[in-house]
Amino acid sequence: YEQFFDRISAFEILQQQQQQQQQQQQVQ
């Protein structure tokens, strides 16, 4: 238990979706 790890979860997925939306807005 001493070694902390941070796998893919809500934060990473929502952050990726937000970046994707921003990218699409820039394209538009």
PDB file of all heavy atoms in Angstrom:
ATOM      1  N   TYR A   1       0.808  -1.224   0.000  1.00  0.00           N
ATOM      2  CA  TYR A   1       0.000   0.000   0.000  1.00  0.00           C
ATOM      3  C   TYR A   1       0.839   1.271   0.000  1.00  0.00           C
ATOM      4  O   TYR A   1       0.296   2.373  -0.146  1.00  0.00           O
ATOM      5  CB  TYR A   1      -0.930   0.004   1.218  1.00  0.00           C
ATOM      6  CG  TYR A   1      -1.915  -1.140   1.225  1.00  0.00           C
ATOM      7  CD1 TYR A   1      -1.786  -2.188   2.122  1.00  0.00           C
ATOM      8  CD2 TYR A   1      -2.976  -1.176   0.326  1.00  0.00           C
ATOM      9  CE1 TYR A   1      -2.688  -3.248   2.136  1.00  0.00           C
ATOM     10  CE2 TYR A   1      -3.879  -2.233   0.322  1.00  0.00           C
ATOM     11  CZ  TYR A   1      -3.733  -3.265   1.231  1.00  0.00           C
ATOM     12  OH  TYR A   1      -4.618  -4.308   1.222  1.00  0.00           O
ATOM     13  N   GLU A   2       2.140   1.128   0.172  1.00  0.00           N
ATOM     14  CA  GLU A   2       2.990   2.314   0.293  1.00  0.00           C
ATOM     15  C   GLU A   2       3.116   3.085  -1.019  1.00  0.00           C
ATOM     16  O   GLU A   2       3.302   4.303  -1.022  1.00  0.00           O
ATOM     17  CB  GLU A   2       4.382   1.897   0.781  1.00  0.00           C
ATOM     18  CG  GLU A   2       4.524   1.787   2.294  1.00  0.00           C
ATOM     19  CD  GLU A   2       3.765   0.620   2.900  1.00  0.00           C
ATOM     20  OE1 GLU A   2       3.323  -0.282   2.144  1.00  0.00           O
ATOM     21  OE2 GLU A   2       3.600   0.586   4.130  1.00  0.00           O
ATOM     22  N   GLN A   3       3.020   2.373  -2.163  1.00  0.00           N
ATOM     23  CA  GLN A   3       3.213   3.012  -3.463  1.00  0.00           C
ATOM     24  C   GLN A   3       1.871   3.454  -4.044  1.00  0.00           C
ATOM     25  O   GLN A   3       1.068   2.630  -4.476  1.00  0.00           O
ATOM     26  CB  GLN A   3       3.923   2.049  -4.422  1.00  0.00           C
ATOM     27  CG  GLN A   3       5.269   1.550  -3.920  1.00  0.00           C
ATOM     28  CD  GLN A   3       6.241   2.675  -3.649  1.00  0.00           C
ATOM     29  OE1 GLN A   3       6.339   3.631  -4.426  1.00  0.00           O
ATOM     30  NE2 GLN A   3       6.978   2.574  -2.544  1.00  0.00           N
ATOM     31  N   PHE A   4       1.642   4.752  -4.063  1.00  0.00           N
ATOM     32  CA  PHE A   4       0.396   5.312  -4.602  1.00  0.00           C
ATOM     33  C   PHE A   4       0.396   5.221  -6.124  1.00  0.00           C
ATOM     34  O   PHE A   4       1.430   5.395  -6.767  1.00  0.00           O
ATOM     35  CB  PHE A   4       0.271   6.769  -4.167  1.00  0.00           C
ATOM     36  CG  PHE A   4      -0.883   7.508  -4.789  1.00  0.00           C
ATOM     37  CD1 PHE A   4      -2.157   7.389  -4.280  1.00  0.00           C
ATOM     38  CD2 PHE A   4      -0.685   8.321  -5.900  1.00  0.00           C
ATOM     39  CE1 PHE A   4      -3.227   8.065  -4.847  1.00  0.00           C
ATOM     40  CE2 PHE A   4      -1.747   9.002  -6.473  1.00  0.00           C
ATOM     41  CZ  PHE A   4      -3.015   8.876  -5.943  1.00  0.00           C
ATOM     42  N   PHE A   5      -0.752   4.915  -6.733  1.00  0.00           N
ATOM     43  CA  PHE A   5      -0.858   4.983  -8.189  1.00  0.00           C
ATOM     44  C   PHE A   5      -2.172   5.643  -8.569  1.00  0.00           C
ATOM     45  O   PHE A   5      -3.134   5.640  -7.806  1.00  0.00           O
ATOM     46  CB  PHE A   5      -0.709   3.600  -8.836  1.00  0.00           C
ATOM     47  CG  PHE A   5      -1.801   2.616  -8.503  1.00  0.00           C
ATOM     48  CD1 PHE A   5      -3.008   2.619  -9.177  1.00  0.00           C
ATOM     49  CD2 PHE A   5      -1.599   1.648  -7.520  1.00  0.00           C
ATOM     50  CE1 PHE A   5      -4.011   1.697  -8.883  1.00  0.00           C
ATOM     51  CE2 PHE A   5      -2.595   0.722  -7.218  1.00  0.00           C
ATOM     52  CZ  PHE A   5      -3.796   0.747  -7.903  1.00  0.00           C
ATOM     53  N   ASP A   6      -2.182   6.216  -9.770  1.00  0.00           N
ATOM     54  CA  ASP A   6      -3.332   6.991 -10.245  1.00  0.00           C
ATOM     55  C   ASP A   6      -3.677   6.534 -11.649  1.00  0.00           C
ATOM     56  O   ASP A   6      -3.069   6.948 -12.622  1.00  0.00           O
ATOM     57  CB  ASP A   6      -2.993   8.485 -10.225  1.00  0.00           C
ATOM     58  CG  ASP A   6      -4.205   9.352 -10.561  1.00  0.00           C
ATOM     59  OD1 ASP A   6      -5.318   8.813 -10.623  1.00  0.00           O
ATOM     60  OD2 ASP A   6      -4.018  10.566 -10.785  1.00  0.00           O
ATOM     61  N   ARG A   7      -4.667   5.659 -11.780  1.00  0.00           N
ATOM     62  CA  ARG A   7      -5.032   5.140 -13.095  1.00  0.00           C
ATOM     63  C   ARG A   7      -6.091   6.021 -13.742  1.00  0.00           C
ATOM     64  O   ARG A   7      -6.615   6.966 -13.144  1.00  0.00           O
ATOM     65  CB  ARG A   7      -5.494   3.694 -12.992  1.00  0.00           C
ATOM     66  CG  ARG A   7      -6.717   3.471 -12.136  1.00  0.00           C
ATOM     67  CD  ARG A   7      -7.049   1.994 -12.112  1.00  0.00           C
ATOM     68  NE  ARG A   7      -8.020   1.676 -11.071  1.00  0.00           N
ATOM     69  CZ  ARG A   7      -9.078   0.912 -11.281  1.00  0.00           C
ATOM     70  NH1 ARG A   7      -9.332   0.432 -12.475  1.00  0.00           N
ATOM     71  NH2 ARG A   7      -9.895   0.631 -10.294  1.00  0.00           N
ATOM     72  N   ILE A   8      -6.436   5.681 -14.972  1.00  0.00           N
ATOM     73  CA  ILE A   8      -7.416   6.461 -15.733  1.00  0.00           C
ATOM     74  C   ILE A   8      -8.782   6.363 -15.063  1.00  0.00           C
ATOM     75  O   ILE A   8      -9.276   5.273 -14.788  1.00  0.00           O
ATOM     76  CB  ILE A   8      -7.496   5.946 -17.180  1.00  0.00           C
ATOM     77  CG1 ILE A   8      -6.164   6.173 -17.896  1.00  0.00           C
ATOM     78  CG2 ILE A   8      -8.625   6.636 -17.943  1.00  0.00           C
ATOM     79  CD1 ILE A   8      -6.092   5.513 -19.254  1.00  0.00           C
ATOM     80  N   SER A   9      -9.358   7.511 -14.796  1.00  0.00           N
ATOM     81  CA  SER A   9     -10.671   7.558 -14.144  1.00  0.00           C
ATOM     82  C   SER A   9     -11.398   8.809 -14.624  1.00  0.00           C
ATOM     83  O   SER A   9     -11.059   9.371 -15.671  1.00  0.00           O
ATOM     84  CB  SER A   9     -10.511   7.537 -12.622  1.00  0.00           C
ATOM     85  OG  SER A   9      -9.577   8.516 -12.193  1.00  0.00           O
ATOM     86  N   ALA A  10     -12.387   9.267 -13.890  1.00  0.00           N
ATOM     87  CA  ALA A  10     -13.256  10.349 -14.358  1.00  0.00           C
ATOM     88  C   ALA A  10     -12.479  11.612 -14.708  1.00  0.00           C
ATOM     89  O   ALA A  10     -12.755  12.255 -15.727  1.00  0.00           O
ATOM     90  CB  ALA A  10     -14.306  10.647 -13.293  1.00  0.00           C
ATOM     91  N   PHE A  11     -11.513  11.981 -13.903  1.00  0.00           N
ATOM     92  CA  PHE A  11     -10.762  13.214 -14.137  1.00  0.00           C
ATOM     93  C   PHE A  11     -10.097  13.190 -15.511  1.00  0.00           C
ATOM     94  O   PHE A  11     -10.216  14.146 -16.300  1.00  0.00           O
ATOM     95  CB  PHE A  11      -9.721  13.401 -13.041  1.00  0.00           C
ATOM     96  CG  PHE A  11      -8.766  14.539 -13.285  1.00  0.00           C
ATOM     97  CD1 PHE A  11      -9.158  15.853 -13.083  1.00  0.00           C
ATOM     98  CD2 PHE A  11      -7.470  14.293 -13.737  1.00  0.00           C
ATOM     99  CE1 PHE A  11      -8.281  16.903 -13.327  1.00  0.00           C
ATOM    100  CE2 PHE A  11      -6.590  15.333 -13.972  1.00  0.00           C
ATOM    101  CZ  PHE A  11      -6.995  16.638 -13.770  1.00  0.00           C
ATOM    102  N   GLU A  12      -9.384  12.108 -15.806  1.00  0.00           N
ATOM    103  CA  GLU A  12      -8.647  12.033 -17.066  1.00  0.00           C
ATOM    104  C   GLU A  12      -9.591  11.991 -18.258  1.00  0.00           C
ATOM    105  O   GLU A  12      -9.358  12.660 -19.284  1.00  0.00           O
ATOM    106  CB  GLU A  12      -7.751  10.787 -17.075  1.00  0.00           C
ATOM    107  CG  GLU A  12      -6.547  10.853 -16.154  1.00  0.00           C
ATOM    108  CD  GLU A  12      -6.878  10.579 -14.703  1.00  0.00           C
ATOM    109  OE1 GLU A  12      -8.018  10.124 -14.430  1.00  0.00           O
ATOM    110  OE2 GLU A  12      -6.021  10.797 -13.836  1.00  0.00           O
ATOM    111  N   ILE A  13     -10.679  11.235 -18.156  1.00  0.00           N
ATOM    112  CA  ILE A  13     -11.609  11.104 -19.279  1.00  0.00           C
ATOM    113  C   ILE A  13     -12.347  12.418 -19.543  1.00  0.00           C
ATOM    114  O   ILE A  13     -12.466  12.862 -20.691  1.00  0.00           O
ATOM    115  CB  ILE A  13     -12.613   9.968 -19.018  1.00  0.00           C
ATOM    116  CG1 ILE A  13     -11.877   8.619 -18.983  1.00  0.00           C
ATOM    117  CG2 ILE A  13     -13.705   9.944 -20.080  1.00  0.00           C
ATOM    118  CD1 ILE A  13     -12.748   7.455 -18.580  1.00  0.00           C
ATOM    119  N   LEU A  14     -12.815  13.060 -18.491  1.00  0.00           N
ATOM    120  CA  LEU A  14     -13.519  14.339 -18.671  1.00  0.00           C
ATOM    121  C   LEU A  14     -12.572  15.422 -19.179  1.00  0.00           C
ATOM    122  O   LEU A  14     -12.969  16.275 -19.988  1.00  0.00           O
ATOM    123  CB  LEU A  14     -14.156  14.766 -17.347  1.00  0.00           C
ATOM    124  CG  LEU A  14     -15.328  13.893 -16.876  1.00  0.00           C
ATOM    125  CD1 LEU A  14     -15.788  14.319 -15.480  1.00  0.00           C
ATOM    126  CD2 LEU A  14     -16.498  13.958 -17.858  1.00  0.00           C
ATOM    127  N   GLN A  15     -11.343  15.390 -18.703  1.00  0.00           N
ATOM    128  CA  GLN A  15     -10.349  16.355 -19.194  1.00  0.00           C
ATOM    129  C   GLN A  15     -10.095  16.146 -20.679  1.00  0.00           C
ATOM    130  O   GLN A  15      -9.998  17.109 -21.456  1.00  0.00           O
ATOM    131  CB  GLN A  15      -9.056  16.209 -18.396  1.00  0.00           C
ATOM    132  CG  GLN A  15      -8.029  17.296 -18.677  1.00  0.00           C
ATOM    133  CD  GLN A  15      -6.779  17.128 -17.826  1.00  0.00           C
ATOM    134  OE1 GLN A  15      -6.161  16.062 -17.841  1.00  0.00           O
ATOM    135  NE2 GLN A  15      -6.435  18.162 -17.083  1.00  0.00           N
ATOM    136  N   GLN A  16     -10.010  14.887 -21.101  1.00  0.00           N
ATOM    137  CA  GLN A  16      -9.795  14.574 -22.507  1.00  0.00           C
ATOM    138  C   GLN A  16     -10.993  15.004 -23.353  1.00  0.00           C
ATOM    139  O   GLN A  16     -10.831  15.559 -24.447  1.00  0.00           O
ATOM    140  CB  GLN A  16      -9.558  13.072 -22.660  1.00  0.00           C
ATOM    141  CG  GLN A  16      -9.155  12.650 -24.058  1.00  0.00           C
ATOM    142  CD  GLN A  16      -7.801  13.216 -24.455  1.00  0.00           C
ATOM    143  OE1 GLN A  16      -6.868  13.218 -23.654  1.00  0.00           O
ATOM    144  NE2 GLN A  16      -7.696  13.701 -25.679  1.00  0.00           N
ATOM    145  N   GLN A  17     -12.193  14.767 -22.844  1.00  0.00           N
ATOM    146  CA  GLN A  17     -13.390  15.193 -23.578  1.00  0.00           C
ATOM    147  C   GLN A  17     -13.441  16.702 -23.726  1.00  0.00           C
ATOM    148  O   GLN A  17     -13.822  17.224 -24.786  1.00  0.00           O
ATOM    149  CB  GLN A  17     -14.636  14.683 -22.854  1.00  0.00           C
ATOM    150  CG  GLN A  17     -14.839  13.180 -22.929  1.00  0.00           C
ATOM    151  CD  GLN A  17     -16.039  12.714 -22.129  1.00  0.00           C
ATOM    152  OE1 GLN A  17     -16.639  13.489 -21.387  1.00  0.00           O
ATOM    153  NE2 GLN A  17     -16.402  11.443 -22.277  1.00  0.00           N
ATOM    154  N   GLN A  18     -13.045  17.411 -22.684  1.00  0.00           N
ATOM    155  CA  GLN A  18     -13.040  18.872 -22.736  1.00  0.00           C
ATOM    156  C   GLN A  18     -12.026  19.374 -23.763  1.00  0.00           C
ATOM    157  O   GLN A  18     -12.313  20.304 -24.531  1.00  0.00           O
ATOM    158  CB  GLN A  18     -12.726  19.443 -21.356  1.00  0.00           C
ATOM    159  CG  GLN A  18     -12.824  20.959 -21.288  1.00  0.00           C
ATOM    160  CD  GLN A  18     -12.582  21.479 -19.868  1.00  0.00           C
ATOM    161  OE1 GLN A  18     -12.215  20.731 -18.974  1.00  0.00           O
ATOM    162  NE2 GLN A  18     -12.763  22.767 -19.680  1.00  0.00           N
ATOM    163  N   GLN A  19     -10.859  18.763 -23.797  1.00  0.00           N
ATOM    164  CA  GLN A  19      -9.843  19.152 -24.767  1.00  0.00           C
ATOM    165  C   GLN A  19     -10.330  18.869 -26.192  1.00  0.00           C
ATOM    166  O   GLN A  19     -10.079  19.649 -27.117  1.00  0.00           O
ATOM    167  CB  GLN A  19      -8.546  18.407 -24.493  1.00  0.00           C
ATOM    168  CG  GLN A  19      -7.853  18.833 -23.214  1.00  0.00           C
ATOM    169  CD  GLN A  19      -6.660  17.971 -22.881  1.00  0.00           C
ATOM    170  OE1 GLN A  19      -6.385  16.978 -23.559  1.00  0.00           O
ATOM    171  NE2 GLN A  19      -5.924  18.345 -21.838  1.00  0.00           N
ATOM    172  N   GLN A  20     -11.030  17.751 -26.342  1.00  0.00           N
ATOM    173  CA  GLN A  20     -11.569  17.394 -27.654  1.00  0.00           C
ATOM    174  C   GLN A  20     -12.594  18.419 -28.107  1.00  0.00           C
ATOM    175  O   GLN A  20     -12.595  18.835 -29.277  1.00  0.00           O
ATOM    176  CB  GLN A  20     -12.193  16.005 -27.576  1.00  0.00           C
ATOM    177  CG  GLN A  20     -12.808  15.527 -28.875  1.00  0.00           C
ATOM    178  CD  GLN A  20     -13.454  14.168 -28.726  1.00  0.00           C
ATOM    179  OE1 GLN A  20     -13.037  13.367 -27.907  1.00  0.00           O
ATOM    180  NE2 GLN A  20     -14.483  13.926 -29.517  1.00  0.00           N
ATOM    181  N   GLN A  21     -13.473  18.849 -27.205  1.00  0.00           N
ATOM    182  CA  GLN A  21     -14.473  19.856 -27.553  1.00  0.00           C
ATOM    183  C   GLN A  21     -13.818  21.175 -27.930  1.00  0.00           C
ATOM    184  O   GLN A  21     -14.228  21.843 -28.885  1.00  0.00           O
ATOM    185  CB  GLN A  21     -15.425  20.044 -26.378  1.00  0.00           C
ATOM    186  CG  GLN A  21     -16.343  18.857 -26.123  1.00  0.00           C
ATOM    187  CD  GLN A  21     -17.147  19.005 -24.845  1.00  0.00           C
ATOM    188  OE1 GLN A  21     -17.000  20.007 -24.135  1.00  0.00           O
ATOM    189  NE2 GLN A  21     -17.982  18.016 -24.538  1.00  0.00           N
ATOM    190  N   GLN A  22     -12.785  21.550 -27.179  1.00  0.00           N
ATOM    191  CA  GLN A  22     -12.068  22.795 -27.498  1.00  0.00           C
ATOM    192  C   GLN A  22     -11.406  22.704 -28.863  1.00  0.00           C
ATOM    193  O   GLN A  22     -11.397  23.667 -29.641  1.00  0.00           O
ATOM    194  CB  GLN A  22     -11.026  23.075 -26.413  1.00  0.00           C
ATOM    195  CG  GLN A  22     -11.619  23.443 -25.062  1.00  0.00           C
ATOM    196  CD  GLN A  22     -10.570  23.575 -23.979  1.00  0.00           C
ATOM    197  OE1 GLN A  22      -9.398  23.217 -24.171  1.00  0.00           O
ATOM    198  NE2 GLN A  22     -10.972  24.089 -22.821  1.00  0.00           N
ATOM    199  N   GLN A  23     -10.856  21.522 -29.174  1.00  0.00           N
ATOM    200  CA  GLN A  23     -10.219  21.321 -30.464  1.00  0.00           C
ATOM    201  C   GLN A  23     -11.226  21.447 -31.596  1.00  0.00           C
ATOM    202  O   GLN A  23     -10.966  22.085 -32.617  1.00  0.00           O
ATOM    203  CB  GLN A  23      -9.560  19.946 -30.500  1.00  0.00           C
ATOM    204  CG  GLN A  23      -8.696  19.689 -31.723  1.00  0.00           C
ATOM    205  CD  GLN A  23      -7.434  20.523 -31.696  1.00  0.00           C
ATOM    206  OE1 GLN A  23      -6.829  20.710 -30.653  1.00  0.00           O
ATOM    207  NE2 GLN A  23      -7.049  21.036 -32.846  1.00  0.00           N
ATOM    208  N   GLN A  24     -12.401  20.858 -31.403  1.00  0.00           N
ATOM    209  CA  GLN A  24     -13.438  20.927 -32.428  1.00  0.00           C
ATOM    210  C   GLN A  24     -13.933  22.354 -32.619  1.00  0.00           C
ATOM    211  O   GLN A  24     -14.228  22.779 -33.747  1.00  0.00           O
ATOM    212  CB  GLN A  24     -14.591  19.997 -32.066  1.00  0.00           C
ATOM    213  CG  GLN A  24     -14.243  18.517 -32.149  1.00  0.00           C
ATOM    214  CD  GLN A  24     -15.317  17.616 -31.603  1.00  0.00           C
ATOM    215  OE1 GLN A  24     -16.225  18.081 -30.918  1.00  0.00           O
ATOM    216  NE2 GLN A  24     -15.226  16.315 -31.897  1.00  0.00           N
ATOM    217  N   GLN A  25     -14.014  23.101 -31.520  1.00  0.00           N
ATOM    218  CA  GLN A  25     -14.427  24.500 -31.619  1.00  0.00           C
ATOM    219  C   GLN A  25     -13.408  25.310 -32.402  1.00  0.00           C
ATOM    220  O   GLN A  25     -13.768  26.177 -33.207  1.00  0.00           O
ATOM    221  CB  GLN A  25     -14.617  25.079 -30.223  1.00  0.00           C
ATOM    222  CG  GLN A  25     -15.840  24.546 -29.502  1.00  0.00           C
ATOM    223  CD  GLN A  25     -15.918  25.025 -28.062  1.00  0.00           C
ATOM    224  OE1 GLN A  25     -15.035  25.757 -27.603  1.00  0.00           O
ATOM    225  NE2 GLN A  25     -16.962  24.608 -27.352  1.00  0.00           N
ATOM    226  N   GLN A  26     -12.132  25.003 -32.179  1.00  0.00           N
ATOM    227  CA  GLN A  26     -11.085  25.715 -32.918  1.00  0.00           C
ATOM    228  C   GLN A  26     -11.157  25.408 -34.406  1.00  0.00           C
ATOM    229  O   GLN A  26     -10.976  26.292 -35.255  1.00  0.00           O
ATOM    230  CB  GLN A  26      -9.714  25.327 -32.368  1.00  0.00           C
ATOM    231  CG  GLN A  26      -9.435  25.859 -30.977  1.00  0.00           C
ATOM    232  CD  GLN A  26      -8.127  25.348 -30.419  1.00  0.00           C
ATOM    233  OE1 GLN A  26      -7.413  24.594 -31.066  1.00  0.00           O
ATOM    234  NE2 GLN A  26      -7.805  25.769 -29.199  1.00  0.00           N
ATOM    235  N   VAL A  27     -11.458  24.159 -34.730  1.00  0.00           N
ATOM    236  CA  VAL A  27     -11.602  23.778 -36.136  1.00  0.00           C
ATOM    237  C   VAL A  27     -12.769  24.517 -36.771  1.00  0.00           C
ATOM    238  O   VAL A  27     -12.672  25.037 -37.888  1.00  0.00           O
ATOM    239  CB  VAL A  27     -11.792  22.249 -36.253  1.00  0.00           C
ATOM    240  CG1 VAL A  27     -12.159  21.865 -37.689  1.00  0.00           C
ATOM    241  CG2 VAL A  27     -10.541  21.520 -35.813  1.00  0.00           C
ATOM    242  N   GLN A  28     -13.884  24.579 -36.037  1.00  0.00           N
ATOM    243  CA  GLN A  28     -15.066  25.263 -36.557  1.00  0.00           C
ATOM    244  C   GLN A  28     -14.808  26.751 -36.762  1.00  0.00           C
ATOM    245  O   GLN A  28     -15.213  27.342 -37.759  1.00  0.00           O
ATOM    246  CB  GLN A  28     -16.256  25.047 -35.614  1.00  0.00           C
ATOM    247  CG  GLN A  28     -17.582  25.591 -36.135  1.00  0.00           C
ATOM    248  CD  GLN A  28     -18.017  24.890 -37.416  1.00  0.00           C
ATOM    249  OE1 GLN A  28     -17.842  23.682 -37.561  1.00  0.00           O
ATOM    250  NE2 GLN A  28     -18.551  25.651 -38.357  1.00  0.00           N
TER     251      GLN A  28
END
